């Protein structure tokens, strides 16, 4: 009884305990009754099952979620609820692992991009250049472009302007014209204020440069960044690889910060530009005012000089007129251009002219013979000719003409002889 029952039964119990404790390095012999052999077969199956389960669990506990439970379709495992529960657990762990990695990836990307936003918060163009490089590297993009919303302060015209590029073909690099609302794909996204994700891209839309040449992308995102509901920035990114869900999460995460930073930067830039323009205009006005003041002073000095010269001239003419009158001379002095510079009182009385009226005439108007020529410009001559009086009467007189050589300009003296 001991050899047939008790000893094999004790051995079977010991090995069962080892399996229960996780020691699967157990071998069974065939001693014992037929019932004991059946129990040994069941324990052996359990041992092999636990070995398979242990290998499966060890792999996905290491993060290898690509492992499959190969025997799931075998008859003994097909309807095993424990195995199915274990597979469901692995799938949930895999999903949680992916979601955690995506959250960490988004957080890392957000931190990197927010750092760039803080560094370049005062310059929207420099911010665009830094962002397209970092986004292309972090999101494994092959191309990126950065458009900024602009508004002309004078005309009020609004447009999107290409601010930064990464890996564009040369035609796109040269294409920096203003994009109007609704114009092209960028203009449509601006108008609709919703992002677009394309996996079928026209061949002529864009080419991505690489070491092997130019090629078209397989995936394209055009994403609008909004501030207070208004589209302020549009980011265009393309890649040879499909974009994952986490890429859109990252763009959503940084959208507001980028748009707000660009708006602040543009407003600061506009205020700075207006301040500089105002300062420049103020300086120009101050300079103009000083120049005008200087010109006015010079003009006033010139005017005073002219007044003094005029007074001196009038004084000289008055003195000359008195001398001429004392000598009873009917004298007229003409300038180089034929205008009358001086007429003695005797001369004006003789022809019935007022002094001011005489000074408004020219030689040709007084002496009809010189109306169409300048033959009076001689060194010295004497002739009988006609002269026109104030009322238009023409009389014959004897006139002597003599040239005066003066420093400033030559003059000619006309003297009417006789009574």
Protein backbone atom coordinates (compact mmCIF):
# COMPACT_ATOMS: atom_id res chain seq x y z
CA UNK A 1 0.00 0.00 0.00
CA UNK A 2 2.88 2.33 0.85
CA UNK A 3 4.71 1.61 -2.45
CA UNK A 4 1.52 1.58 -4.55
CA UNK A 5 -0.35 4.53 -3.05
CA UNK A 6 1.18 6.56 -0.28
CA UNK A 7 4.70 7.16 -1.70
CA UNK A 8 3.52 8.10 -5.29
CA UNK A 9 0.77 10.25 -3.78
CA UNK A 10 3.26 12.15 -1.57
CA UNK A 11 5.56 12.65 -4.58
CA UNK A 12 2.64 13.93 -6.64
CA UNK A 13 1.67 16.38 -3.87
CA UNK A 14 5.24 17.70 -3.55
CA UNK A 15 5.55 18.33 -7.29
CA UNK A 16 2.13 19.96 -7.33
CA UNK A 17 3.28 22.34 -4.60
CA UNK A 18 6.41 23.20 -6.61
CA UNK A 19 4.29 24.03 -9.68
CA UNK A 20 1.99 26.10 -7.49
CA UNK A 21 5.01 28.04 -6.20
CA UNK A 22 6.20 28.76 -9.76
CA UNK A 23 8.90 26.09 -10.06
CA UNK A 24 8.16 24.61 -13.45
CA UNK A 25 11.35 22.52 -13.57
CA UNK A 26 9.46 19.40 -12.52
CA UNK A 27 9.46 15.90 -14.09
CA UNK A 28 6.92 13.14 -13.48
CA UNK A 29 7.39 9.34 -13.48
CA UNK A 30 4.76 6.78 -14.28
CA UNK A 31 4.60 5.14 -10.83
CA UNK A 32 1.26 4.81 -9.13
CA UNK A 33 -2.21 3.86 -10.08
CA UNK A 34 -4.06 4.74 -13.24
CA UNK A 35 -5.81 7.61 -11.44
CA UNK A 36 -2.42 8.95 -10.38
CA UNK A 37 -1.22 8.77 -13.99
CA UNK A 38 -4.24 10.83 -15.01
CA UNK A 39 -3.44 13.39 -12.32
CA UNK A 40 0.20 13.49 -13.48
CA UNK A 41 -0.96 14.16 -17.07
CA UNK A 42 -3.19 17.03 -15.88
CA UNK A 43 -0.34 18.53 -13.85
CA UNK A 44 2.02 18.16 -16.82
CA UNK A 45 -0.46 19.99 -19.07
CA UNK A 46 -0.78 22.70 -16.43
CA UNK A 47 2.99 22.98 -16.24
CA UNK A 48 3.34 23.40 -20.03
CA UNK A 49 0.48 25.90 -20.05
CA UNK A 50 2.11 27.94 -17.30
CA UNK A 51 5.42 27.86 -19.19
CA UNK A 52 3.72 29.29 -22.29
CA UNK A 53 1.86 31.89 -20.24
CA UNK A 54 5.05 32.83 -18.36
CA UNK A 55 6.98 33.38 -21.61
CA UNK A 56 4.10 35.46 -23.02
CA UNK A 57 3.80 37.61 -19.87
CA UNK A 58 7.56 38.16 -19.61
CA UNK A 59 7.75 39.52 -23.16
CA UNK A 60 4.98 42.12 -22.95
CA UNK A 61 6.12 43.10 -19.45
CA UNK A 62 9.37 44.18 -21.14
CA UNK A 63 7.41 46.39 -23.53
CA UNK A 64 7.39 43.91 -26.41
CA UNK A 65 3.72 44.18 -27.36
CA UNK A 66 4.24 42.59 -30.76
CA UNK A 67 4.30 39.10 -29.22
CA UNK A 68 1.30 36.89 -29.84
CA UNK A 69 0.03 33.87 -27.88
CA UNK A 70 0.64 31.35 -30.62
CA UNK A 71 -1.47 28.53 -29.12
CA UNK A 72 -4.64 30.58 -28.78
CA UNK A 73 -6.26 28.73 -31.65
CA UNK A 74 -5.43 25.26 -30.30
CA UNK A 75 -8.40 23.34 -28.99
CA UNK A 76 -7.29 23.34 -25.35
CA UNK A 77 -6.73 27.16 -25.33
CA UNK A 78 -9.44 28.35 -27.72
CA UNK A 79 -12.13 28.72 -25.08
CA UNK A 80 -9.89 29.37 -22.07
CA UNK A 81 -11.24 32.57 -20.40
CA UNK A 82 -8.00 33.08 -18.49
CA UNK A 83 -5.96 33.19 -21.75
CA UNK A 84 -8.44 35.56 -23.36
CA UNK A 85 -8.36 37.80 -20.30
CA UNK A 86 -4.57 37.78 -20.40
CA UNK A 87 -4.58 38.80 -24.09
CA UNK A 88 -7.05 41.61 -23.33
CA UNK A 89 -4.79 42.79 -20.52
CA UNK A 90 -1.81 42.87 -22.89
CA UNK A 91 -3.82 44.89 -25.43
CA UNK A 92 -4.91 47.40 -22.78
CA UNK A 93 -1.36 47.76 -21.53
CA UNK A 94 -0.17 48.30 -25.09
CA UNK A 95 -2.81 50.99 -25.67
CA UNK A 96 -1.93 52.72 -22.38
CA UNK A 97 1.75 52.54 -23.28
CA UNK A 98 1.11 54.15 -26.66
CA UNK A 99 -1.08 56.87 -25.16
CA UNK A 100 1.49 57.61 -22.45
CA UNK A 101 4.26 57.83 -25.06
CA UNK A 102 2.11 60.15 -27.18
CA UNK A 103 1.40 62.40 -24.17
CA UNK A 104 5.08 62.50 -23.29
CA UNK A 105 5.96 63.23 -26.94
CA UNK A 106 3.41 66.05 -27.11
CA UNK A 107 4.62 67.48 -23.78
CA UNK A 108 8.24 67.36 -24.91
CA UNK A 109 7.45 69.00 -28.24
CA UNK A 110 5.29 71.63 -26.57
CA UNK A 111 8.09 72.48 -24.13
CA UNK A 112 10.66 72.82 -26.92
CA UNK A 113 8.41 75.01 -29.07
CA UNK A 114 7.28 77.18 -26.15
CA UNK A 115 10.94 77.80 -25.34
CA UNK A 116 11.47 79.08 -28.90
CA UNK A 117 8.37 81.26 -28.55
CA UNK A 118 9.83 82.88 -25.41
CA UNK A 119 13.24 83.40 -27.04
CA UNK A 120 11.86 85.00 -30.24
CA UNK A 121 8.78 86.70 -28.77
CA UNK A 122 9.84 90.11 -30.13
CA UNK A 123 10.45 89.07 -33.74
CA UNK A 124 7.76 87.16 -35.65
CA UNK A 125 10.00 86.45 -38.64
CA UNK A 126 12.79 84.98 -36.49
CA UNK A 127 10.18 82.98 -34.59
CA UNK A 128 8.90 81.53 -37.87
CA UNK A 129 12.41 80.51 -38.96
CA UNK A 130 13.11 78.80 -35.63
CA UNK A 131 9.74 77.03 -35.54
CA UNK A 132 9.88 75.52 -39.04
CA UNK A 133 13.30 74.03 -38.27
CA UNK A 134 12.31 72.60 -34.88
CA UNK A 135 8.92 71.32 -36.05
CA UNK A 136 10.49 69.67 -39.09
CA UNK A 137 13.08 67.97 -36.89
CA UNK A 138 10.76 66.96 -34.05
CA UNK A 139 7.83 65.80 -36.22
CA UNK A 140 10.16 64.24 -38.82
CA UNK A 141 8.79 66.48 -41.56
CA UNK A 142 10.59 67.03 -44.81
CA UNK A 143 9.13 70.46 -45.48
CA UNK A 144 7.58 73.38 -43.57
CA UNK A 145 6.45 76.92 -44.33
CA UNK A 146 5.24 79.70 -42.01
CA UNK A 147 2.72 82.38 -43.07
CA UNK A 148 1.93 85.48 -40.98
CA UNK A 149 -1.22 87.61 -41.15
CA UNK A 150 -0.33 91.19 -42.11
CA UNK A 151 -2.32 94.41 -42.35
CA UNK A 152 -1.15 97.51 -44.19
CA UNK A 153 -1.42 100.40 -41.67
CA UNK A 154 -2.13 102.91 -44.46
CA UNK A 155 -4.44 101.09 -46.92
CA UNK A 156 -5.87 98.60 -44.42
CA UNK A 157 -5.21 95.73 -46.86
CA UNK A 158 -5.00 92.30 -45.17
CA UNK A 159 -2.97 89.38 -46.53
CA UNK A 160 -0.88 86.34 -45.59
CA UNK A 161 2.86 86.70 -46.13
CA UNK A 162 5.36 83.84 -46.33
CA UNK A 163 7.76 84.45 -43.45
CA UNK A 164 9.89 81.29 -43.20
CA UNK A 165 10.67 78.19 -45.28
CA UNK A 166 12.28 74.82 -44.78
CA UNK A 167 13.29 72.50 -47.69
CA UNK A 168 11.06 74.18 -50.32
CA UNK A 169 11.86 73.87 -53.98
CA UNK A 170 13.47 76.99 -55.48
CA UNK A 171 10.26 78.13 -57.20
CA UNK A 172 8.41 78.11 -53.91
CA UNK A 173 11.26 79.98 -52.24
CA UNK A 174 10.93 82.75 -54.81
CA UNK A 175 7.15 82.83 -54.41
CA UNK A 176 6.83 85.42 -51.64
CA UNK A 177 3.87 87.35 -52.98
CA UNK A 178 0.99 88.42 -50.79
CA UNK A 179 -1.75 85.78 -50.49
CA UNK A 180 -5.25 87.18 -50.39
CA UNK A 181 -8.22 85.73 -48.51
CA UNK A 182 -9.52 82.66 -50.39
CA UNK A 183 -6.55 82.58 -52.79
CA UNK A 184 -5.08 79.09 -53.25
CA UNK A 185 -4.90 76.46 -50.53
CA UNK A 186 -3.39 78.87 -47.97
CA UNK A 187 -6.06 81.48 -48.68
CA UNK A 188 -8.82 78.87 -48.34
CA UNK A 189 -7.54 77.68 -44.96
CA UNK A 190 -7.35 81.33 -43.86
CA UNK A 191 -10.97 81.80 -44.92
CA UNK A 192 -12.32 78.54 -43.46
CA UNK A 193 -10.18 78.69 -40.28
CA UNK A 194 -9.99 74.88 -40.20
CA UNK A 195 -6.98 72.65 -40.83
CA UNK A 196 -6.73 70.24 -43.75
CA UNK A 197 -4.88 66.93 -44.02
CA UNK A 198 -4.11 65.65 -47.52
CA UNK A 199 -2.69 62.26 -48.46
CA UNK A 200 -3.19 62.70 -52.20
CA UNK A 201 -1.18 65.76 -53.26
CA UNK A 202 -0.94 67.15 -56.82
CA UNK A 203 2.47 66.45 -58.33
CA UNK A 204 3.10 70.10 -59.20
CA UNK A 205 2.07 71.48 -55.79
CA UNK A 206 5.32 70.96 -53.95
CA UNK A 207 8.70 69.23 -54.25
CA UNK A 208 10.84 68.24 -51.27
CA UNK A 209 14.60 68.41 -51.67
CA UNK A 210 16.75 65.55 -50.47
CA UNK A 211 20.17 64.08 -51.16
CA UNK A 212 18.62 61.81 -53.77
CA UNK A 213 16.84 64.61 -55.62
CA UNK A 214 13.37 66.17 -55.54
CA UNK A 215 10.21 64.21 -54.74
CA UNK A 216 6.61 64.88 -53.81
CA UNK A 217 5.39 64.30 -50.22
CA UNK A 218 2.88 61.62 -49.30
CA UNK A 219 1.19 63.61 -46.53
CA UNK A 220 0.42 67.34 -46.13
CA UNK A 221 -1.07 69.38 -43.27
CA UNK A 222 -2.07 73.04 -43.54
CA UNK A 223 -2.89 74.21 -40.02
CA UNK A 224 -4.25 77.63 -38.96
CA UNK A 225 -3.18 79.08 -35.59
CA UNK A 226 -5.84 81.35 -34.12
CA UNK A 227 -5.89 84.11 -31.52
CA UNK A 228 -9.28 85.32 -30.24
CA UNK A 229 -10.95 83.46 -33.11
CA UNK A 230 -8.86 85.13 -35.84
CA UNK A 231 -6.34 83.24 -37.98
CA UNK A 232 -2.98 84.89 -37.36
CA UNK A 233 -0.56 82.17 -38.57
CA UNK A 234 -0.75 79.30 -41.05
CA UNK A 235 1.73 76.42 -40.84
CA UNK A 236 2.19 74.15 -43.84
CA UNK A 237 4.09 70.89 -43.23
CA UNK A 238 4.70 67.91 -45.50
CA UNK A 239 6.33 64.53 -45.06
CA UNK A 240 7.17 61.32 -46.86
CA UNK A 241 5.58 59.47 -43.89
CA UNK A 242 1.94 59.54 -42.76
CA UNK A 243 1.23 61.94 -39.91
CA UNK A 244 0.13 60.34 -36.65
CA UNK A 245 -2.57 61.44 -34.24
CA UNK A 246 0.01 62.89 -31.86
CA UNK A 247 1.14 65.35 -34.56
CA UNK A 248 -2.30 66.96 -34.58
CA UNK A 249 -2.34 66.97 -30.76
CA UNK A 250 0.96 68.85 -30.71
CA UNK A 251 -0.25 71.42 -33.23
CA UNK A 252 -3.41 71.95 -31.20
CA UNK A 253 -1.34 72.28 -28.02
CA UNK A 254 0.91 75.07 -29.36
CA UNK A 255 -1.62 76.80 -31.63
CA UNK A 256 -2.73 79.52 -29.23
CA UNK A 257 0.74 80.31 -27.91
CA UNK A 258 2.21 80.77 -31.41
CA UNK A 259 -0.69 82.91 -32.66
CA UNK A 260 -0.65 85.12 -29.55
CA UNK A 261 3.13 85.53 -29.73
CA UNK A 262 3.00 86.54 -33.40
CA UNK A 263 0.17 89.04 -32.79
CA UNK A 264 2.07 90.57 -29.87
CA UNK A 265 5.27 90.70 -31.90
CA UNK A 266 3.54 92.30 -34.90
CA UNK A 267 1.80 94.88 -32.69
CA UNK A 268 5.09 95.68 -30.96
CA UNK A 269 6.82 95.96 -34.32
CA UNK A 270 4.09 98.25 -35.68
CA UNK A 271 4.20 100.45 -32.56
CA UNK A 272 7.99 100.58 -32.78
CA UNK A 273 7.79 101.46 -36.48
CA UNK A 274 5.21 104.17 -35.81
CA UNK A 275 7.37 105.53 -32.99
CA UNK A 276 10.47 105.57 -35.20
CA UNK A 277 8.51 107.20 -38.05
CA UNK A 278 7.10 109.76 -35.63
CA UNK A 279 10.55 110.45 -34.21
CA UNK A 280 12.00 110.77 -37.72
CA UNK A 281 9.22 113.16 -38.77
CA UNK A 282 9.69 115.16 -35.57
CA UNK A 283 13.42 115.43 -36.25
CA UNK A 284 12.74 116.43 -39.85
CA UNK A 285 10.20 119.04 -38.74
CA UNK A 286 12.63 120.36 -36.16
CA UNK A 287 15.36 120.55 -38.79
CA UNK A 288 12.97 122.20 -41.25
CA UNK A 289 11.85 124.62 -38.58
CA UNK A 290 15.45 125.56 -37.83
CA UNK A 291 16.22 125.95 -41.53
CA UNK A 292 13.07 128.02 -42.00
CA UNK A 293 14.00 130.16 -39.02
CA UNK A 294 17.48 130.63 -40.44
CA UNK A 295 16.02 131.45 -43.88
CA UNK A 296 13.63 133.93 -42.32
CA UNK A 297 16.50 135.58 -40.49
CA UNK A 298 18.52 135.70 -43.71
CA UNK A 299 15.48 137.00 -45.60
CA UNK A 300 14.88 139.64 -42.96
CA UNK A 301 18.53 140.68 -43.10
CA UNK A 302 18.34 140.79 -46.91
CA UNK A 303 15.15 142.80 -46.76
CA UNK A 304 16.69 145.24 -44.32
CA UNK A 305 19.71 145.53 -46.61
CA UNK A 306 17.46 146.16 -49.60
CA UNK A 307 15.54 148.79 -47.64
CA UNK A 308 18.80 150.50 -46.70
CA UNK A 309 20.05 150.29 -50.29
CA UNK A 310 16.74 151.60 -51.58
CA UNK A 311 16.83 154.46 -49.13
CA UNK A 312 20.39 155.21 -50.12
CA UNK A 313 19.45 155.01 -53.81
CA UNK A 314 16.44 157.23 -53.32
CA UNK A 315 18.61 159.59 -51.31
CA UNK A 316 21.19 159.56 -54.10
CA UNK A 317 18.49 160.13 -56.71
CA UNK A 318 17.04 162.96 -54.66
CA UNK A 319 20.44 164.53 -54.33
CA UNK A 320 21.08 163.98 -58.03
CA UNK A 321 17.72 165.48 -58.88
CA UNK A 322 18.44 168.55 -56.78
CA UNK A 323 21.85 168.98 -58.44
CA UNK A 324 20.29 168.55 -61.87
CA UNK A 325 17.53 170.98 -61.08
CA UNK A 326 20.04 173.53 -59.86
CA UNK A 327 21.85 173.19 -63.17
CA UNK A 328 18.50 173.28 -65.02
CA UNK A 329 19.20 169.96 -66.72
CA UNK A 330 16.51 167.81 -68.35
CA UNK A 331 18.23 164.48 -67.70
CA UNK A 332 17.15 160.86 -68.06
CA UNK A 333 19.36 157.87 -67.05
CA UNK A 334 18.62 154.46 -68.62
CA UNK A 335 19.76 150.98 -67.53
CA UNK A 336 21.43 148.32 -69.75
CA UNK A 337 18.05 146.64 -70.39
CA UNK A 338 16.37 149.90 -71.45
CA UNK A 339 14.49 150.53 -68.21
CA UNK A 340 14.58 154.06 -66.79
CA UNK A 341 16.67 154.41 -63.63
CA UNK A 342 16.37 158.18 -63.06
CA UNK A 343 14.49 161.15 -64.44
CA UNK A 344 15.12 164.69 -63.26
CA UNK A 345 12.29 166.86 -62.12
CA UNK A 346 12.91 169.18 -65.05
CA UNK A 347 12.64 166.22 -67.43
CA UNK A 348 9.34 164.99 -65.94
CA UNK A 349 7.89 168.49 -65.89
CA UNK A 350 8.91 169.06 -69.51
CA UNK A 351 7.04 165.92 -70.66
CA UNK A 352 4.22 166.22 -68.12
CA UNK A 353 5.03 162.87 -66.38
CA UNK A 354 4.89 161.97 -62.72
CA UNK A 355 8.21 160.70 -61.30
CA UNK A 356 6.84 157.22 -60.48
CA UNK A 357 5.04 157.03 -63.81
CA UNK A 358 8.25 157.81 -65.70
CA UNK A 359 10.17 155.07 -63.87
CA UNK A 360 7.68 152.48 -65.17
CA UNK A 361 8.56 153.22 -68.81
CA UNK A 362 11.34 152.09 -71.12
CA UNK A 363 13.43 154.08 -73.60
CA UNK A 364 11.46 152.75 -76.56
CA UNK A 365 8.22 154.09 -75.07
CA UNK A 366 9.62 157.61 -74.69
CA UNK A 367 11.62 157.78 -77.93
CA UNK A 368 9.67 156.01 -80.74
CA UNK A 369 12.86 155.77 -82.83
CA UNK A 370 14.21 153.20 -80.36
CA UNK A 371 11.00 151.14 -80.01
CA UNK A 372 12.43 148.22 -82.01
CA UNK A 373 16.19 148.69 -81.67
CA UNK A 374 18.90 149.56 -79.17
CA UNK A 375 20.82 152.03 -81.30
CA UNK A 376 20.88 154.43 -78.35
CA UNK A 377 23.61 152.32 -76.75
CA UNK A 378 26.48 154.47 -77.99
CA UNK A 379 29.46 156.12 -76.34
CA UNK A 380 28.30 159.65 -77.20
CA UNK A 381 25.97 161.17 -79.78
CA UNK A 382 23.70 164.15 -80.47
CA UNK A 383 20.56 164.01 -82.62
CA UNK A 384 17.17 165.58 -83.23
CA UNK A 385 14.38 163.09 -82.62
CA UNK A 386 10.80 162.79 -81.46
CA UNK A 387 9.77 162.19 -77.86
CA UNK A 388 6.35 161.14 -76.50
CA UNK A 389 4.78 163.30 -73.80
CA UNK A 390 2.47 162.01 -71.06
CA UNK A 391 -0.75 162.53 -73.06
CA UNK A 392 0.73 160.85 -76.13
CA UNK A 393 1.73 164.02 -77.99
CA UNK A 394 4.89 163.64 -80.08
CA UNK A 395 7.33 166.57 -80.13
CA UNK A 396 10.70 167.10 -81.73
CA UNK A 397 13.69 167.74 -79.47
CA UNK A 398 17.47 167.86 -79.62
CA UNK A 399 18.94 165.06 -77.51
CA UNK A 400 22.47 164.20 -76.48
CA UNK A 401 23.28 160.63 -75.35
CA UNK A 402 26.38 159.76 -73.37
CA UNK A 403 27.51 156.43 -71.85
CA UNK A 404 28.47 156.25 -68.18
CA UNK A 405 31.01 153.56 -67.12
CA UNK A 406 30.07 152.46 -63.62
CA UNK A 407 31.34 149.57 -61.44
CA UNK A 408 28.05 147.74 -61.07
CA UNK A 409 26.66 148.27 -64.59
CA UNK A 410 26.85 150.73 -67.44
CA UNK A 411 24.19 153.41 -67.84
CA UNK A 412 23.26 156.01 -70.52
CA UNK A 413 22.38 159.66 -69.94
CA UNK A 414 19.75 161.30 -72.17
CA UNK A 415 19.72 165.13 -72.03
CA UNK A 416 17.09 167.25 -73.83
CA UNK A 417 18.68 170.43 -75.09
CA UNK A 418 17.04 173.84 -75.60
CA UNK A 419 13.71 175.08 -74.29
